[in-house]
Amino acid sequence: MELVDKKTAVSKYSSYTDSQVYWLGEIPSHWERKKLKHVFHEKKKKSNSNLNCGSISFGKVVYKDDDKVPESTKASYQEVLAGEYLVNPLNLNYDLISLRIGLSDIDVVVSSGYIVLKNSIQINKAYFNYLLHRYDVAYMKLLGSGVRQTISFNHIADSILALPPLQEQKAIAEFLDDKTSKIDRAIAQKEQMILLLKERKQIIIQNAVTKGLDPNVKMKDSGVDWIGEIPEHWEVKKTKNLGDIVNGATPSSSISKFWDGEIIWITPTDINEIVYAKSSDRKITHFGYRSCGTTMVPKGSIVLTTRAPIGKVCIAGNELCTNQGCKSIVPRREMSSNFLYYSFSISSAVLNSLGTGTTFMELSSKALKDFKIPIPISINEQKAIVNYIEKQSEKFKTSIQLEQTQIEKLKEYKTTLIDSAVTGKIRVC
């Protein structure tokens, strides 16, 4: 007889038994408990140079770029065919987030370090793909030995799996295919909404820092293609006329007394969707600072990445220095740091186009000095524009956070739904 859990409004089975496995918990009484080695066997390694290279990525078997795999390496790869399960048993302690087991729907060759599983009994492969994802996250990553925590088939062979009747496996898989595809579509829509909100925010910033806030103001040609028309009372200035430009530098990495000090040392990796830089991943000592000949820039300076990548920007939230991948602009008194920040934040594509180099693209000091941006002459107008942008940005931030919260809830619901269905906590047929 079917029972209904009034709290979650889902059907449950009439009776359950303890699986004696913590990650499975109680399972329906008529389901079997099977050791993994009685459901699957390890496929004997077989090379096949006619197939493309592949790997596992977040629970899916995907193609790899053959051009990046030497022929000698590919010759050591093993075959995995559609309908077989691929297990990445390497370095479990290195990656505790992504899924490491997947049902392949393509024919490829993969690293010989991987485990390929074939079913030894009749099963619904889609159901076991869901179940093995749960097994992977909840149990397999706790296995293994050694510094690299790598496992073999013997480590997982005696693991207990749930085995519902074949028709129920099929029903659970179809239920989850339907529900998870709907959840994935909802997540994709919300991710698209976040992109649209970010684009709209950038448009508002661009219009504010190039056109101002008065829709009726008289305009003039700026003389710069990417800027277009600007208010008649504004000016177009080169960066070198906005303030002093300071290059960054790096102390020798081999001298320990140069590192782990108290001086903030910003690199491009420290500038990631932040407005104010107040700390850094690495800090240098006064010895390191003096050794590399760079200059400290004061709080309020603009820090701009000029290589790998070009165009990320932030404001120095404290006195700091940077590595050679950044340049800093110390604004003159008549300039608002925040206005300059927003002006440079919408200029990354143009700055990138000015980069040169073969090994990596870099924005030269000359190119930065000659880069032009529109500027209101009055600092009060600059501040009014900044105030407007910040108010609008706060609204977008709230909307984006709401979408992100809903995405996280959908992901949590998806995980719970899969876990509940594959272990029999809910009945779907």
Protein backbone atom coordinates (compact mmCIF):
# COMPACT_ATOMS: atom_id res chain seq x y z
CA MET A 1 0.00 0.00 0.00
CA GLU A 2 1.29 3.44 -0.95
CA LEU A 3 1.84 6.02 1.77
CA VAL A 4 1.96 9.80 1.29
CA ASP A 5 4.41 12.05 3.11
CA LYS A 6 2.19 15.06 3.89
CA LYS A 7 5.19 17.28 4.57
CA THR A 8 6.69 16.91 1.09
CA ALA A 9 3.51 15.86 -0.74
CA VAL A 10 5.26 12.93 -2.46
CA SER A 11 4.41 9.25 -2.56
CA LYS A 12 6.38 6.80 -0.46
CA TYR A 13 6.68 3.02 -0.47
CA SER A 14 4.68 0.94 2.01
CA SER A 15 7.69 -0.46 3.83
CA TYR A 16 11.41 0.13 4.10
CA THR A 17 14.45 -1.76 5.32
CA ASP A 18 17.81 -0.53 6.54
CA SER A 19 20.35 -0.84 3.73
CA GLN A 20 23.14 -0.79 6.35
CA VAL A 21 24.89 1.71 4.09
CA TYR A 22 24.86 5.28 5.39
CA TRP A 23 24.64 7.01 2.00
CA LEU A 24 21.69 4.87 0.94
CA GLY A 25 19.85 4.87 4.26
CA GLU A 26 16.56 3.02 4.28
CA ILE A 27 15.47 1.57 0.94
CA PRO A 28 12.15 0.02 -0.12
CA SER A 29 11.81 -3.49 1.31
CA HIS A 30 11.46 -5.16 -2.09
CA TRP A 31 14.65 -3.58 -3.48
CA GLU A 32 17.85 -5.62 -3.45
CA ARG A 33 21.25 -4.73 -2.09
CA LYS A 34 24.01 -5.66 -4.53
CA LYS A 35 27.76 -5.31 -4.38
CA LEU A 36 29.07 -3.18 -7.20
CA LYS A 37 31.16 -6.11 -8.49
CA HIS A 38 27.97 -8.15 -8.95
CA VAL A 39 26.41 -5.41 -11.09
CA PHE A 40 29.51 -4.26 -12.99
CA HIS A 41 32.89 -5.63 -13.99
CA GLU A 42 35.99 -3.75 -15.01
CA LYS A 43 36.43 -3.77 -18.77
CA LYS A 44 39.75 -5.14 -19.94
CA LYS A 45 41.89 -2.30 -21.30
CA LYS A 46 41.73 -2.14 -25.09
CA SER A 47 43.45 0.39 -27.34
CA ASN A 48 41.72 1.82 -30.43
CA SER A 49 43.68 4.46 -32.34
CA ASN A 50 40.75 5.04 -34.72
CA LEU A 51 38.73 6.77 -31.98
CA ASN A 52 39.00 10.37 -30.84
CA CYS A 53 40.40 11.15 -27.41
CA GLY A 54 38.00 11.79 -24.56
CA SER A 55 37.78 12.43 -20.82
CA ILE A 56 35.17 12.87 -18.12
CA SER A 57 33.95 16.34 -17.21
CA PHE A 58 31.34 16.93 -14.50
CA GLY A 59 29.79 13.49 -14.94
CA LYS A 60 29.77 13.51 -18.75
CA VAL A 61 32.15 11.80 -21.15
CA VAL A 62 33.34 14.45 -23.60
CA TYR A 63 35.70 14.74 -26.55
CA LYS A 64 39.21 16.07 -26.02
CA ASP A 65 41.33 17.94 -28.56
CA ASP A 66 43.33 15.20 -30.31
CA ASP A 67 45.88 17.77 -31.46
CA LYS A 68 46.93 18.33 -27.85
CA VAL A 69 47.54 14.60 -27.19
CA PRO A 70 50.86 13.22 -28.54
CA GLU A 71 50.52 10.04 -30.63
CA SER A 72 52.68 8.13 -28.15
CA THR A 73 50.29 9.10 -25.35
CA LYS A 74 47.18 8.26 -27.36
CA ALA A 75 48.63 4.83 -28.09
CA SER A 76 48.47 4.10 -24.35
CA TYR A 77 44.81 5.18 -24.08
CA GLN A 78 41.98 2.69 -23.56
CA GLU A 79 38.63 2.37 -25.27
CA VAL A 80 35.33 3.40 -23.69
CA LEU A 81 32.20 2.93 -25.80
CA ALA A 82 28.68 4.33 -25.62
CA GLY A 83 26.75 2.51 -22.91
CA GLU A 84 29.81 1.96 -20.72
CA TYR A 85 30.59 3.85 -17.52
CA LEU A 86 33.76 5.85 -17.11
CA VAL A 87 35.28 6.41 -13.67
CA ASN A 88 38.08 8.90 -12.99
CA PRO A 89 39.80 7.39 -9.92
CA LEU A 90 42.80 9.72 -9.97
CA ASN A 91 43.63 12.36 -7.36
CA LEU A 92 40.33 12.18 -5.47
CA ASN A 93 41.60 14.66 -2.88
CA TYR A 94 42.32 17.19 -5.64
CA ASP A 95 38.73 17.55 -6.86
CA LEU A 96 35.86 17.11 -4.41
CA ILE A 97 33.29 19.06 -6.44
CA SER A 98 32.87 17.73 -9.97
CA LEU A 99 31.30 14.37 -10.75
CA ARG A 100 33.84 11.67 -11.54
CA ILE A 101 31.58 8.89 -12.87
CA GLY A 102 29.55 9.08 -16.08
CA LEU A 103 27.66 6.97 -18.60
CA SER A 104 29.29 7.47 -21.98
CA ASP A 105 27.12 8.23 -25.01
CA ILE A 106 30.14 8.47 -27.34
CA ASP A 107 32.96 6.15 -28.44
CA VAL A 108 36.38 7.50 -27.39
CA VAL A 109 39.74 6.50 -25.95
CA VAL A 110 40.71 7.80 -22.53
CA SER A 111 43.64 7.73 -20.12
CA SER A 112 44.66 4.23 -19.07
CA GLY A 113 44.42 5.43 -15.49
CA TYR A 114 40.63 5.59 -15.77
CA ILE A 115 38.34 2.67 -14.87
CA VAL A 116 35.80 1.50 -17.47
CA LEU A 117 32.77 -0.38 -16.13
CA LYS A 118 30.45 -2.68 -18.06
CA ASN A 119 27.24 -4.04 -16.60
CA SER A 120 27.27 -7.76 -15.80
CA ILE A 121 23.49 -8.02 -15.36
CA GLN A 122 20.56 -6.41 -17.11
CA ILE A 123 20.05 -2.87 -15.79
CA ASN A 124 18.57 0.44 -16.81
CA LYS A 125 21.73 2.39 -17.57
CA ALA A 126 20.17 5.81 -17.07
CA TYR A 127 19.02 4.86 -13.55
CA PHE A 128 22.49 3.66 -12.62
CA ASN A 129 24.01 6.82 -14.04
CA TYR A 130 21.95 8.80 -11.52
CA LEU A 131 22.71 6.33 -8.72
CA LEU A 132 26.46 6.32 -9.42
CA HIS A 133 26.51 10.12 -9.35
CA ARG A 134 25.07 9.90 -5.86
CA TYR A 135 27.56 7.15 -4.93
CA ASP A 136 30.42 9.25 -6.31
CA VAL A 137 29.63 12.33 -4.21
CA ALA A 138 28.50 10.60 -1.04
CA TYR A 139 30.95 7.72 -0.82
CA MET A 140 33.56 7.13 -3.51
CA LYS A 141 35.50 10.32 -2.81
CA LEU A 142 36.16 9.03 0.71
CA LEU A 143 38.02 6.01 -0.65
CA GLY A 144 41.56 5.62 -1.91
CA SER A 145 44.98 5.80 -0.39
CA GLY A 146 48.27 7.57 -0.75
CA VAL A 147 49.13 11.23 -1.11
CA ARG A 148 47.27 11.46 -4.42
CA GLN A 149 44.31 9.40 -3.10
CA THR A 150 43.92 7.27 -6.22
CA ILE A 151 41.71 4.18 -6.25
CA SER A 152 41.39 0.97 -8.25
CA PHE A 153 38.40 -1.24 -9.10
CA ASN A 154 39.15 -3.30 -5.98
CA HIS A 155 38.49 -0.24 -3.81
CA ILE A 156 34.92 0.06 -5.10
CA ALA A 157 34.12 -3.59 -5.90
CA ASP A 158 32.48 -4.38 -2.56
CA SER A 159 30.48 -1.15 -2.35
CA ILE A 160 26.76 -1.76 -1.81
CA LEU A 161 24.34 -0.39 -4.42
CA ALA A 162 20.54 -0.31 -4.45
CA LEU A 163 18.93 -2.52 -7.09
CA PRO A 164 15.23 -1.83 -7.72
CA PRO A 165 13.23 -4.07 -10.06
CA LEU A 166 14.09 -3.30 -13.69
CA GLN A 167 10.75 -1.61 -14.44
CA GLU A 168 11.17 0.67 -11.45
CA GLN A 169 14.71 1.56 -12.58
CA LYS A 170 13.24 2.61 -15.92
CA ALA A 171 10.44 4.61 -14.30
CA ILE A 172 12.84 6.41 -11.93
CA ALA A 173 15.20 7.27 -14.80
CA GLU A 174 12.34 8.63 -16.94
CA PHE A 175 10.97 10.62 -14.00
CA LEU A 176 14.38 12.16 -13.30
CA ASP A 177 15.07 12.84 -16.98
CA ASP A 178 11.83 14.79 -17.15
CA LYS A 179 12.17 16.66 -13.86
CA THR A 180 15.87 17.50 -14.14
CA SER A 181 15.50 18.75 -17.73
CA LYS A 182 12.78 21.15 -16.53
CA ILE A 183 14.96 22.29 -13.63
CA ASP A 184 17.94 22.75 -15.97
CA ARG A 185 15.81 24.86 -18.31
CA ALA A 186 14.69 27.03 -15.40
CA ILE A 187 18.31 27.46 -14.28
CA ALA A 188 19.38 28.36 -17.84
CA GLN A 189 16.63 30.99 -18.05
CA LYS A 190 17.75 32.56 -14.78
CA GLU A 191 21.40 32.51 -15.89
CA GLN A 192 20.33 34.26 -19.09
CA MET A 193 18.44 36.81 -17.02
CA ILE A 194 21.61 37.50 -15.00
CA LEU A 195 23.53 38.10 -18.23
CA LEU A 196 20.83 40.48 -19.45
CA LEU A 197 20.86 42.36 -16.13
CA LYS A 198 24.65 42.72 -16.29
CA GLU A 199 24.44 43.93 -19.90
CA ARG A 200 21.76 46.45 -18.98
CA LYS A 201 23.87 47.67 -16.07
CA GLN A 202 26.85 48.18 -18.41
CA ILE A 203 24.69 50.14 -20.85
CA ILE A 204 23.51 52.44 -18.06
CA ILE A 205 27.13 52.98 -16.91
CA GLN A 206 28.32 53.62 -20.47
CA ASN A 207 25.58 56.13 -21.17
CA ALA A 208 26.21 57.94 -17.88
CA VAL A 209 29.99 58.30 -18.28
CA THR A 210 29.82 59.27 -21.97
CA LYS A 211 26.53 61.20 -22.25
CA GLY A 212 25.91 62.48 -18.73
CA LEU A 213 22.56 62.60 -16.92
CA ASP A 214 20.77 65.44 -18.74
CA PRO A 215 18.89 64.07 -21.79
CA ASN A 216 18.38 67.62 -23.09
CA VAL A 217 22.00 68.77 -22.96
CA LYS A 218 23.55 70.02 -26.20
CA MET A 219 25.99 67.49 -27.66
CA LYS A 220 29.17 67.64 -29.73
CA ASP A 221 31.32 65.12 -31.58
CA SER A 222 34.02 63.74 -29.28
CA GLY A 223 36.33 62.93 -32.18
CA VAL A 224 36.73 59.38 -30.81
CA ASP A 225 34.87 56.58 -32.63
CA TRP A 226 34.05 54.40 -29.61
CA ILE A 227 32.78 57.38 -27.60
CA GLY A 228 30.62 59.17 -30.18
CA GLU A 229 28.92 62.38 -29.07
CA ILE A 230 29.46 63.90 -25.63
CA PRO A 231 27.90 66.88 -23.80
CA GLU A 232 29.16 70.14 -25.26
CA HIS A 233 30.71 71.30 -21.98
CA TRP A 234 32.73 68.08 -21.50
CA GLU A 235 36.31 67.48 -22.58
CA VAL A 236 38.12 64.46 -24.03
CA LYS A 237 41.36 63.89 -22.18
CA LYS A 238 44.28 61.52 -22.56
CA THR A 239 44.99 59.32 -19.56
CA LYS A 240 48.38 61.00 -19.07
CA ASN A 241 46.52 64.25 -18.39
CA LEU A 242 44.30 62.68 -15.72
CA GLY A 243 47.09 61.82 -13.32
CA ASP A 244 50.45 60.10 -12.88
CA ILE A 245 50.84 56.61 -14.36
CA VAL A 246 52.83 54.14 -12.25
CA ASN A 247 54.21 50.80 -13.49
CA GLY A 248 54.26 47.71 -11.30
CA ALA A 249 57.11 45.26 -10.67
CA THR A 250 57.85 41.90 -9.03
CA PRO A 251 60.57 41.13 -6.46
CA SER A 252 62.73 38.06 -7.06
CA SER A 253 60.70 34.93 -6.23
CA SER A 254 63.83 33.09 -5.05
CA ILE A 255 64.59 35.47 -2.17
CA SER A 256 62.36 34.58 0.77
CA LYS A 257 62.89 37.83 2.68
CA PHE A 258 61.07 39.68 -0.13
CA TRP A 259 57.80 37.82 0.52
CA ASP A 260 55.07 37.33 3.13
CA GLY A 261 55.33 40.88 4.38
CA GLU A 262 52.75 43.60 5.07
CA ILE A 263 52.69 45.49 1.76
CA ILE A 264 49.68 44.83 -0.46
CA TRP A 265 50.91 43.63 -3.87
CA ILE A 266 48.14 43.47 -6.45
CA THR A 267 48.30 41.19 -9.51
CA PRO A 268 45.65 40.69 -12.25
CA THR A 269 44.27 37.65 -10.38
CA ASP A 270 43.41 39.89 -7.41
CA ILE A 271 41.14 42.05 -9.57
CA ASN A 272 37.98 40.07 -10.13
CA GLU A 273 34.68 41.96 -10.08
CA ILE A 274 35.75 44.13 -7.15
CA VAL A 275 35.51 47.90 -6.86
CA TYR A 276 38.05 48.43 -4.07
CA ALA A 277 41.29 46.47 -3.68
CA LYS A 278 42.03 46.28 0.04
CA SER A 279 44.07 43.07 0.20
CA SER A 280 45.97 40.68 -2.04
CA ASP A 281 46.70 36.96 -2.26
CA ARG A 282 50.40 37.66 -1.74
CA LYS A 283 52.15 40.46 0.08
CA ILE A 284 55.71 41.68 -0.10
CA THR A 285 58.12 42.98 2.51
CA HIS A 286 59.82 46.38 2.56
CA PHE A 287 62.97 44.60 1.33
CA GLY A 288 60.99 43.23 -1.62
CA TYR A 289 59.43 46.60 -2.32
CA ARG A 290 62.77 48.38 -2.41
CA SER A 291 64.38 45.64 -4.53
CA CYS A 292 62.02 45.90 -7.50
CA GLY A 293 61.98 49.68 -7.88
CA THR A 294 58.22 50.08 -8.07
CA THR A 295 56.24 52.87 -6.42
CA MET A 296 53.49 52.70 -3.82
CA VAL A 297 50.27 54.31 -5.01
CA PRO A 298 47.89 56.04 -2.59
CA LYS A 299 44.38 55.02 -1.66
CA GLY A 300 42.01 56.14 -4.42
CA SER A 301 44.35 55.30 -7.29
CA ILE A 302 42.99 53.45 -10.32
CA VAL A 303 44.57 50.01 -10.82
CA LEU A 304 44.28 48.63 -14.37
CA THR A 305 45.40 45.23 -15.65
CA THR A 306 47.54 45.68 -18.74
CA ARG A 307 48.34 42.03 -19.48
CA ALA A 308 46.71 38.63 -18.96
CA PRO A 309 44.08 40.04 -19.30
CA ILE A 310 43.92 43.69 -20.37
CA GLY A 311 41.22 45.96 -18.97
CA LYS A 312 40.18 44.72 -15.54
CA VAL A 313 40.00 47.69 -13.20
CA CYS A 314 39.60 48.55 -9.51
CA ILE A 315 40.26 51.36 -7.05
CA ALA A 316 43.05 51.09 -4.49
CA GLY A 317 41.22 50.76 -1.19
CA ASN A 318 44.50 51.20 0.68
CA GLU A 319 48.02 52.27 -0.18
CA LEU A 320 49.50 49.47 -2.29
CA CYS A 321 51.79 48.46 -5.14
CA THR A 322 51.28 46.11 -8.08
CA ASN A 323 53.14 43.62 -10.22
CA GLN A 324 54.12 44.32 -13.83
CA GLY A 325 50.75 43.01 -15.07
CA CYS A 326 49.11 46.19 -13.77
CA LYS A 327 49.54 49.92 -14.13
CA SER A 328 48.14 52.47 -11.73
CA ILE A 329 46.76 55.96 -12.35
CA VAL A 330 47.08 58.42 -9.46
CA PRO A 331 44.28 60.92 -10.23
CA ARG A 332 44.70 64.65 -10.00
CA ARG A 333 42.61 66.60 -7.50
CA GLU A 334 39.98 67.65 -10.02
CA MET A 335 39.27 64.01 -10.87
CA SER A 336 36.87 61.65 -9.10
CA SER A 337 38.46 58.20 -8.66
CA ASN A 338 35.06 56.54 -8.89
CA PHE A 339 34.21 58.35 -12.14
CA LEU A 340 37.50 57.17 -13.65
CA TYR A 341 36.80 53.64 -12.38
CA TYR A 342 33.45 53.52 -14.19
CA SER A 343 34.95 55.09 -17.33
CA PHE A 344 37.68 52.45 -17.53
CA SER A 345 35.26 49.63 -16.59
CA ILE A 346 33.35 50.13 -19.85
CA SER A 347 36.54 50.49 -21.92
CA SER A 348 38.02 46.97 -21.63
CA ALA A 349 37.19 45.96 -25.23
CA VAL A 350 38.81 49.12 -26.63
CA LEU A 351 41.87 48.73 -24.39
CA ASN A 352 42.20 45.09 -25.50
CA SER A 353 42.24 46.19 -29.13
CA LEU A 354 45.26 48.38 -28.35
CA GLY A 355 47.27 45.49 -26.90
CA THR A 356 50.36 44.20 -28.70
CA GLY A 357 52.61 41.18 -28.33
CA THR A 358 53.23 37.60 -29.48
CA THR A 359 53.65 35.53 -26.30
CA PHE A 360 50.86 37.49 -24.60
CA MET A 361 48.96 40.69 -25.30
CA GLU A 362 50.07 43.73 -23.32
CA LEU A 363 48.95 47.35 -23.17
CA SER A 364 52.05 49.53 -23.43
CA SER A 365 52.63 52.61 -21.27
CA LYS A 366 52.41 54.80 -24.38
CA ALA A 367 49.08 53.28 -25.45
CA LEU A 368 47.65 53.84 -21.98
CA LYS A 369 48.99 57.39 -21.76
CA ASP A 370 47.38 58.28 -25.10
CA PHE A 371 44.06 56.53 -24.36
CA LYS A 372 41.20 59.05 -24.41
CA ILE A 373 38.08 59.23 -22.25
CA PRO A 374 35.35 61.89 -21.94
CA ILE A 375 35.42 63.95 -18.74
CA PRO A 376 32.95 66.44 -17.23
CA ILE A 377 34.99 69.53 -16.31
CA SER A 378 33.15 69.92 -13.00
CA ILE A 379 34.07 67.39 -10.31
CA ASN A 380 30.58 67.93 -8.86
CA GLU A 381 29.09 66.61 -12.11
CA GLN A 382 31.48 63.67 -11.97
CA LYS A 383 30.29 62.91 -8.44
CA ALA A 384 26.62 63.25 -9.43
CA ILE A 385 27.15 60.71 -12.21
CA VAL A 386 28.91 58.34 -9.80
CA ASN A 387 26.03 58.69 -7.31
CA TYR A 388 23.51 57.86 -10.04
CA ILE A 389 25.50 54.83 -11.22
CA GLU A 390 25.88 53.49 -7.69
CA LYS A 391 22.15 53.78 -6.98
CA GLN A 392 21.32 52.00 -10.24
CA SER A 393 24.02 49.39 -9.62
CA GLU A 394 22.55 48.59 -6.22
CA LYS A 395 19.19 47.82 -7.85
CA PHE A 396 20.87 45.52 -10.36
CA LYS A 397 22.88 43.87 -7.59
CA THR A 398 19.67 43.09 -5.68
CA SER A 399 18.01 41.64 -8.79
CA ILE A 400 21.08 39.55 -9.67
CA GLN A 401 21.38 38.23 -6.12
CA LEU A 402 17.72 37.20 -6.20
CA GLU A 403 18.27 35.25 -9.43
CA GLN A 404 21.43 33.65 -8.02
CA THR A 405 19.60 32.63 -4.84
CA GLN A 406 16.84 31.04 -6.90
CA ILE A 407 19.44 29.20 -9.01
CA GLU A 408 21.05 27.77 -5.87
CA LYS A 409 17.66 26.65 -4.57
CA LEU A 410 16.89 24.96 -7.89
CA LYS A 411 20.26 23.17 -7.82
CA GLU A 412 19.65 22.04 -4.24
CA TYR A 413 16.17 20.82 -5.18
CA LYS A 414 17.58 18.92 -8.16
CA THR A 415 20.19 17.20 -5.99
CA THR A 416 17.61 16.31 -3.33
CA LEU A 417 15.18 15.03 -5.94
CA ILE A 418 17.79 12.76 -7.54
CA ASP A 419 19.01 11.46 -4.17
CA SER A 420 15.47 10.76 -2.99
CA ALA A 421 14.40 9.01 -6.18
CA VAL A 422 17.42 6.74 -6.65
CA THR A 423 17.40 5.60 -3.03
CA GLY A 424 13.63 5.07 -2.86
CA LYS A 425 12.80 7.86 -0.42
CA ILE A 426 10.07 8.90 -2.86
CA ARG A 427 7.99 6.66 -5.11
CA VAL A 428 7.63 7.75 -8.72
CA CYS A 429 5.62 4.84 -10.12
